[in-house]
Amino acid sequence: MPQTGTIVTYTHLHEPLPGFEAQAPFYIAVVKLGNGAKILTQIVDSPDGSVKTGAKVRATVRRARVDGDSGQIVYGYKFTVV
């Protein structure tokens, strides 16, 4: 999959779902990748004013969560505005 794309739409979450409380507030966006695929993803490491429709983004690997029982760290792709 392409590592770059464009924000199609987004929202700024202040009341996250259970399990994401430590990350609030944060952005969730629909990103259209270079091959035309659209994905739902978290936008990270981007100033508030830079997250907007049409902004160019790039994939980055970030910690998604830590398993409470085993302590295993789970990583995943998120996107940042470039």
N, C-alpha and C. Protein backbone atom coordinates (compact mmCIF):
# COMPACT_ATOMS: atom_id res chain seq x y z
N MET A 1 0.84 -1.18 0.00
CA MET A 1 0.00 0.00 0.00
C MET A 1 0.89 1.25 0.00
N PRO A 2 0.42 2.31 -0.64
CA PRO A 2 1.18 3.56 -0.65
C PRO A 2 1.35 4.11 0.77
N GLN A 3 2.42 4.82 0.99
CA GLN A 3 2.72 5.39 2.30
C GLN A 3 2.30 6.85 2.41
N THR A 4 1.73 7.42 1.33
CA THR A 4 1.30 8.81 1.35
C THR A 4 -0.13 8.92 0.86
N GLY A 5 -0.79 10.01 1.23
CA GLY A 5 -2.16 10.23 0.80
C GLY A 5 -2.62 11.63 1.14
N THR A 6 -3.95 11.83 1.07
CA THR A 6 -4.58 13.12 1.30
C THR A 6 -5.78 12.93 2.22
N ILE A 7 -5.95 13.85 3.18
CA ILE A 7 -7.10 13.79 4.08
C ILE A 7 -8.36 14.14 3.31
N VAL A 8 -9.35 13.24 3.34
CA VAL A 8 -10.64 13.46 2.68
C VAL A 8 -11.59 14.15 3.65
N THR A 9 -11.65 13.67 4.88
CA THR A 9 -12.46 14.25 5.94
C THR A 9 -11.85 13.82 7.27
N TYR A 10 -12.18 14.53 8.34
CA TYR A 10 -11.60 14.22 9.65
C TYR A 10 -12.52 14.67 10.77
N THR A 11 -12.22 14.22 11.98
CA THR A 11 -12.88 14.70 13.17
C THR A 11 -11.87 14.76 14.31
N HIS A 12 -12.10 15.66 15.23
CA HIS A 12 -11.23 15.83 16.40
C HIS A 12 -11.98 15.26 17.60
N LEU A 13 -11.54 14.13 18.10
CA LEU A 13 -12.24 13.43 19.19
C LEU A 13 -11.76 13.91 20.56
N HIS A 14 -12.71 14.32 21.38
CA HIS A 14 -12.40 14.71 22.76
C HIS A 14 -12.92 13.66 23.74
N GLU A 15 -13.89 12.87 23.31
CA GLU A 15 -14.47 11.80 24.13
C GLU A 15 -14.22 10.47 23.41
N PRO A 16 -13.06 9.86 23.65
CA PRO A 16 -12.69 8.64 22.91
C PRO A 16 -13.44 7.40 23.38
N LEU A 17 -13.37 6.38 22.57
CA LEU A 17 -13.91 5.08 22.93
C LEU A 17 -13.09 4.47 24.06
N PRO A 18 -13.66 3.54 24.82
CA PRO A 18 -12.90 2.88 25.88
C PRO A 18 -11.59 2.28 25.34
N GLY A 19 -10.52 2.49 26.09
CA GLY A 19 -9.22 1.99 25.69
C GLY A 19 -8.35 3.05 25.04
N PHE A 20 -8.94 4.18 24.65
CA PHE A 20 -8.19 5.25 23.99
C PHE A 20 -8.16 6.53 24.83
N GLU A 21 -8.57 6.45 26.08
CA GLU A 21 -8.64 7.63 26.94
C GLU A 21 -7.31 8.36 27.06
N ALA A 22 -6.21 7.63 27.14
CA ALA A 22 -4.90 8.24 27.33
C ALA A 22 -4.45 9.04 26.10
N GLN A 23 -5.07 8.80 24.95
CA GLN A 23 -4.67 9.48 23.73
C GLN A 23 -5.50 10.73 23.45
N ALA A 24 -6.58 10.93 24.19
CA ALA A 24 -7.50 12.05 23.90
C ALA A 24 -6.87 13.38 24.28
N PRO A 25 -7.20 14.45 23.57
CA PRO A 25 -7.94 14.47 22.30
C PRO A 25 -7.04 14.04 21.14
N PHE A 26 -7.65 13.52 20.09
CA PHE A 26 -6.88 13.13 18.91
C PHE A 26 -7.74 13.21 17.66
N TYR A 27 -7.07 13.15 16.51
CA TYR A 27 -7.75 13.23 15.22
C TYR A 27 -7.90 11.86 14.59
N ILE A 28 -9.06 11.63 13.99
CA ILE A 28 -9.32 10.46 13.16
C ILE A 28 -9.66 11.00 11.78
N ALA A 29 -9.11 10.39 10.73
CA ALA A 29 -9.36 10.91 9.38
C ALA A 29 -9.58 9.77 8.39
N VAL A 30 -10.33 10.08 7.34
CA VAL A 30 -10.39 9.22 6.16
C VAL A 30 -9.31 9.76 5.23
N VAL A 31 -8.37 8.89 4.88
CA VAL A 31 -7.25 9.27 4.01
C VAL A 31 -7.35 8.51 2.71
N LYS A 32 -7.25 9.24 1.60
CA LYS A 32 -7.21 8.62 0.27
C LYS A 32 -5.74 8.43 -0.08
N LEU A 33 -5.35 7.16 -0.24
CA LEU A 33 -3.97 6.83 -0.57
C LEU A 33 -3.70 7.05 -2.06
N GLY A 34 -2.43 7.00 -2.42
CA GLY A 34 -2.03 7.23 -3.80
C GLY A 34 -2.63 6.28 -4.81
N ASN A 35 -3.04 5.09 -4.37
CA ASN A 35 -3.64 4.12 -5.30
C ASN A 35 -5.17 4.23 -5.35
N GLY A 36 -5.73 5.23 -4.64
CA GLY A 36 -7.18 5.44 -4.64
C GLY A 36 -7.91 4.80 -3.48
N ALA A 37 -7.27 3.90 -2.74
CA ALA A 37 -7.91 3.27 -1.58
C ALA A 37 -8.12 4.32 -0.48
N LYS A 38 -9.23 4.19 0.25
CA LYS A 38 -9.50 5.08 1.37
C LYS A 38 -9.45 4.28 2.66
N ILE A 39 -8.78 4.83 3.67
CA ILE A 39 -8.65 4.15 4.95
C ILE A 39 -9.02 5.10 6.08
N LEU A 40 -9.47 4.55 7.19
CA LEU A 40 -9.73 5.31 8.40
C LEU A 40 -8.50 5.17 9.27
N THR A 41 -7.93 6.30 9.72
CA THR A 41 -6.67 6.25 10.45
C THR A 41 -6.57 7.38 11.46
N GLN A 42 -5.68 7.24 12.40
CA GLN A 42 -5.41 8.30 13.36
C GLN A 42 -4.33 9.21 12.80
N ILE A 43 -4.49 10.53 13.01
CA ILE A 43 -3.48 11.51 12.61
C ILE A 43 -2.70 11.87 13.88
N VAL A 44 -1.36 11.76 13.81
CA VAL A 44 -0.51 12.00 14.98
C VAL A 44 0.58 13.01 14.64
N ASP A 45 1.19 13.57 15.70
CA ASP A 45 2.36 14.46 15.56
C ASP A 45 2.13 15.58 14.56
N SER A 46 0.94 16.16 14.57
CA SER A 46 0.60 17.22 13.63
C SER A 46 -0.10 18.35 14.39
N PRO A 47 0.38 19.60 14.21
CA PRO A 47 -0.27 20.72 14.88
C PRO A 47 -1.74 20.84 14.49
N ASP A 48 -2.56 21.34 15.40
CA ASP A 48 -4.00 21.45 15.15
C ASP A 48 -4.33 22.14 13.83
N GLY A 49 -3.68 23.23 13.50
CA GLY A 49 -3.99 23.96 12.29
C GLY A 49 -3.62 23.24 11.01
N SER A 50 -2.76 22.22 11.10
CA SER A 50 -2.31 21.52 9.89
C SER A 50 -3.25 20.38 9.48
N VAL A 51 -4.09 19.93 10.40
CA VAL A 51 -5.02 18.84 10.10
C VAL A 51 -6.27 19.44 9.46
N LYS A 52 -6.40 19.26 8.14
CA LYS A 52 -7.53 19.81 7.41
C LYS A 52 -7.77 19.01 6.14
N THR A 53 -8.95 19.15 5.60
CA THR A 53 -9.29 18.48 4.35
C THR A 53 -8.31 18.91 3.26
N GLY A 54 -7.77 17.93 2.53
CA GLY A 54 -6.83 18.21 1.46
C GLY A 54 -5.37 18.17 1.88
N ALA A 55 -5.10 18.08 3.19
CA ALA A 55 -3.71 18.04 3.67
C ALA A 55 -3.03 16.75 3.23
N LYS A 56 -1.78 16.84 2.85
CA LYS A 56 -0.98 15.67 2.48
C LYS A 56 -0.47 15.01 3.75
N VAL A 57 -0.52 13.67 3.78
CA VAL A 57 -0.08 12.92 4.95
C VAL A 57 0.86 11.78 4.54
N ARG A 58 1.62 11.31 5.51
CA ARG A 58 2.56 10.20 5.30
C ARG A 58 2.42 9.20 6.44
N ALA A 59 2.52 7.91 6.12
CA ALA A 59 2.41 6.85 7.13
C ALA A 59 3.61 6.87 8.06
N THR A 60 3.35 6.54 9.31
CA THR A 60 4.40 6.43 10.32
C THR A 60 4.00 5.29 11.27
N VAL A 61 4.96 4.64 11.86
CA VAL A 61 4.68 3.55 12.80
C VAL A 61 4.67 4.12 14.21
N ARG A 62 3.62 3.83 14.95
CA ARG A 62 3.48 4.30 16.33
C ARG A 62 2.93 3.18 17.20
N ARG A 63 3.16 3.31 18.50
CA ARG A 63 2.59 2.35 19.45
C ARG A 63 1.09 2.52 19.44
N ALA A 64 0.37 1.43 19.29
CA ALA A 64 -1.09 1.46 19.29
C ALA A 64 -1.64 1.21 20.69
N ARG A 65 -1.05 0.22 21.39
CA ARG A 65 -1.52 -0.09 22.74
C ARG A 65 -0.53 -1.04 23.40
N VAL A 66 -0.71 -1.23 24.70
CA VAL A 66 0.07 -2.19 25.48
C VAL A 66 -0.93 -3.17 26.07
N ASP A 67 -0.71 -4.46 25.83
CA ASP A 67 -1.59 -5.49 26.37
C ASP A 67 -1.41 -5.54 27.88
N GLY A 68 -2.51 -5.41 28.61
CA GLY A 68 -2.46 -5.36 30.06
C GLY A 68 -1.97 -6.63 30.73
N ASP A 69 -2.29 -7.80 30.17
CA ASP A 69 -1.91 -9.06 30.80
C ASP A 69 -0.46 -9.43 30.55
N SER A 70 -0.02 -9.32 29.30
CA SER A 70 1.32 -9.76 28.95
C SER A 70 2.33 -8.62 28.89
N GLY A 71 1.84 -7.38 28.78
CA GLY A 71 2.74 -6.24 28.64
C GLY A 71 3.27 -6.08 27.23
N GLN A 72 2.76 -6.89 26.30
CA GLN A 72 3.21 -6.83 24.91
C GLN A 72 2.79 -5.49 24.29
N ILE A 73 3.74 -4.84 23.61
CA ILE A 73 3.47 -3.57 22.95
C ILE A 73 3.06 -3.87 21.51
N VAL A 74 1.92 -3.29 21.10
CA VAL A 74 1.40 -3.49 19.75
C VAL A 74 1.61 -2.20 18.97
N TYR A 75 2.25 -2.31 17.82
CA TYR A 75 2.51 -1.15 16.95
C TYR A 75 1.60 -1.20 15.73
N GLY A 76 1.35 -0.03 15.15
CA GLY A 76 0.52 0.05 13.96
C GLY A 76 0.83 1.30 13.17
N TYR A 77 0.26 1.38 11.98
CA TYR A 77 0.44 2.55 11.13
C TYR A 77 -0.54 3.64 11.54
N LYS A 78 -0.02 4.85 11.62
CA LYS A 78 -0.83 6.05 11.79
C LYS A 78 -0.28 7.02 10.75
N PHE A 79 -0.88 8.19 10.62
CA PHE A 79 -0.41 9.14 9.61
C PHE A 79 -0.11 10.49 10.24
N THR A 80 0.82 11.22 9.63
CA THR A 80 1.18 12.56 10.07
C THR A 80 1.14 13.51 8.88
N VAL A 81 0.75 14.76 9.13
CA VAL A 81 0.69 15.75 8.07
C VAL A 81 2.13 16.12 7.66
N VAL A 82 2.35 16.20 6.34
CA VAL A 82 3.69 16.57 5.83
C VAL A 82 3.69 17.96 5.24
